[in-house]
Structure formats: structure tokens, C-alpha cells
Amino acid sequence: MPKLAAILATLAAVITQLIGVTVMLTTRATGNPGTASTTGLTITILGFLATLAAAPPACRALYIWARDRGYLLYHQHQAQDAALPPVVHLPRSGTMP
């Protein structure tokens, strides 16, 4: 569950950044810069700081998941190979006397 929480926290922080940028751009486009634009900048900065705080645990969670998944697949593949019948090597026709 900590993996999911870290990933969701990172996504929430990125969405917060997008909301802040949208507020800034909307207020500038309507010709009403001021308090609303400053609020948008503040929201964007808070989202950026939250992303900086949340990204390392999320990256680590994804790395650990990928590592564990690779380990599991490797051992499943080894078990499948062990279950196969042995390979019989036939001699070449040119080497027979």
C-alpha cells in the first residue's frame, strides 16, 4: 500500500501544478492579473514542492516492483525450462564411420 500511496501523492502533486498553471494562464488571458494570478503561482509552487517531496518514494516503489517482478519471472522461466524433456543431440551424418 505504501507504493500506491507514493504514486498517488506524486500524481496529486502534478495535478496541483496543472491547476495552478491553468489559474495563472486563465487570469492573464482574461486581462485580470493580480490576486488570482498570484494565487495560481502559489498553487503551482506548492504543487512543485509536493512533487519534489513525493517523487523519490514513488520512483523507489516502481523500481522495487519492477525488480521483484523480474525476479519472479526469471524463476518461473527457470522452472519451466527444468520441466522440459532433456535435449537429445543427434550426431551429424558426416561424422559417422
Protein backbone atom coordinates (compact mmCIF):
# COMPACT_ATOMS: atom_id res chain seq x y z
CA MET A 1 0.00 0.00 0.00
CA PRO A 2 2.83 2.50 0.57
CA LYS A 3 3.71 2.02 -3.09
CA LEU A 4 0.26 3.10 -4.19
CA ALA A 5 0.21 5.99 -1.73
CA ALA A 6 3.54 7.32 -3.03
CA ILE A 7 2.42 7.08 -6.65
CA LEU A 8 -0.94 8.72 -5.92
CA ALA A 9 0.75 11.51 -3.95
CA THR A 10 3.02 12.23 -6.93
CA LEU A 11 0.06 12.27 -9.32
CA ALA A 12 -1.89 14.57 -7.00
CA ALA A 13 1.07 16.95 -6.82
CA VAL A 14 1.38 17.04 -10.62
CA ILE A 15 -2.35 17.72 -10.95
CA THR A 16 -1.98 20.54 -8.41
CA GLN A 17 0.71 22.06 -10.60
CA LEU A 18 -1.56 21.83 -13.64
CA ILE A 19 -4.39 23.53 -11.76
CA GLY A 20 -2.07 26.33 -10.67
CA VAL A 21 -0.81 26.91 -14.20
CA THR A 22 -4.38 26.87 -15.52
CA VAL A 23 -5.40 29.52 -12.98
CA MET A 24 -2.40 31.68 -13.90
CA LEU A 25 -3.00 31.42 -17.63
CA THR A 26 -6.74 31.96 -17.36
CA THR A 27 -6.37 35.10 -15.27
CA ARG A 28 -3.71 36.50 -17.59
CA ALA A 29 -5.78 35.71 -20.68
CA THR A 30 -8.83 37.47 -19.27
CA GLY A 31 -6.76 40.56 -18.54
CA ASN A 32 -7.21 40.34 -14.81
CA PRO A 33 -3.75 39.70 -13.38
CA GLY A 34 -3.39 40.31 -9.71
CA THR A 35 -4.57 38.32 -6.74
CA ALA A 36 -5.93 35.42 -8.82
CA SER A 37 -2.71 35.16 -10.82
CA THR A 38 -0.67 35.24 -7.63
CA THR A 39 -2.90 32.52 -6.23
CA GLY A 40 -2.23 30.44 -9.33
CA LEU A 41 1.50 30.93 -8.91
CA THR A 42 1.26 29.93 -5.26
CA ILE A 43 -0.68 26.78 -6.13
CA THR A 44 1.87 25.92 -8.82
CA ILE A 45 4.80 26.36 -6.43
CA LEU A 46 3.09 24.25 -3.76
CA GLY A 47 2.42 21.54 -6.34
CA PHE A 48 6.05 21.65 -7.45
CA LEU A 49 7.31 21.32 -3.87
CA ALA A 50 4.89 18.45 -3.24
CA THR A 51 6.16 16.73 -6.41
CA LEU A 52 9.75 17.09 -5.22
CA ALA A 53 8.79 15.51 -1.91
CA ALA A 54 6.65 12.71 -3.35
CA ALA A 55 8.61 11.68 -6.43
CA PRO A 56 11.55 9.82 -4.80
CA PRO A 57 9.34 7.38 -2.83
CA ALA A 58 7.22 6.79 -5.94
CA CYS A 59 10.29 6.13 -8.08
CA ARG A 60 11.64 3.76 -5.45
CA ALA A 61 8.30 1.95 -5.26
CA LEU A 62 8.24 1.46 -9.04
CA TYR A 63 11.87 0.28 -9.02
CA ILE A 64 11.21 -2.26 -6.27
CA TRP A 65 8.08 -3.53 -8.04
CA ALA A 66 9.96 -3.94 -11.34
CA ARG A 67 12.88 -5.68 -9.61
CA ASP A 68 10.62 -8.10 -7.75
CA ARG A 69 8.58 -8.80 -10.88
CA GLY A 70 11.73 -9.54 -12.87
CA TYR A 71 12.99 -11.87 -10.14
CA LEU A 72 9.68 -13.74 -10.11
CA LEU A 73 9.54 -14.07 -13.90
CA TYR A 74 13.14 -15.28 -14.01
CA HIS A 75 12.46 -18.08 -11.54
CA GLN A 76 9.21 -19.07 -13.27
CA HIS A 77 11.11 -19.31 -16.54
CA GLN A 78 13.81 -21.41 -14.91
CA ALA A 79 11.15 -23.78 -13.54
CA GLN A 80 9.55 -24.09 -16.98
CA ASP A 81 12.92 -24.89 -18.53
CA ALA A 82 13.60 -27.53 -15.89
CA ALA A 83 10.27 -29.20 -16.65
CA LEU A 84 11.13 -29.66 -20.35
CA PRO A 85 12.38 -33.06 -21.50
CA PRO A 86 16.13 -33.29 -21.95
CA VAL A 87 17.54 -32.40 -25.34
CA VAL A 88 18.99 -35.33 -27.27
CA HIS A 89 21.88 -34.34 -29.51
CA LEU A 90 21.99 -36.41 -32.67
CA PRO A 91 25.34 -36.99 -34.31
CA ARG A 92 25.96 -35.39 -37.68
CA SER A 93 25.67 -37.69 -40.64
CA GLY A 94 29.17 -36.76 -41.82
CA THR A 95 30.83 -37.93 -38.62
CA MET A 96 29.51 -41.48 -38.69
CA PRO A 97 32.04 -44.13 -39.88
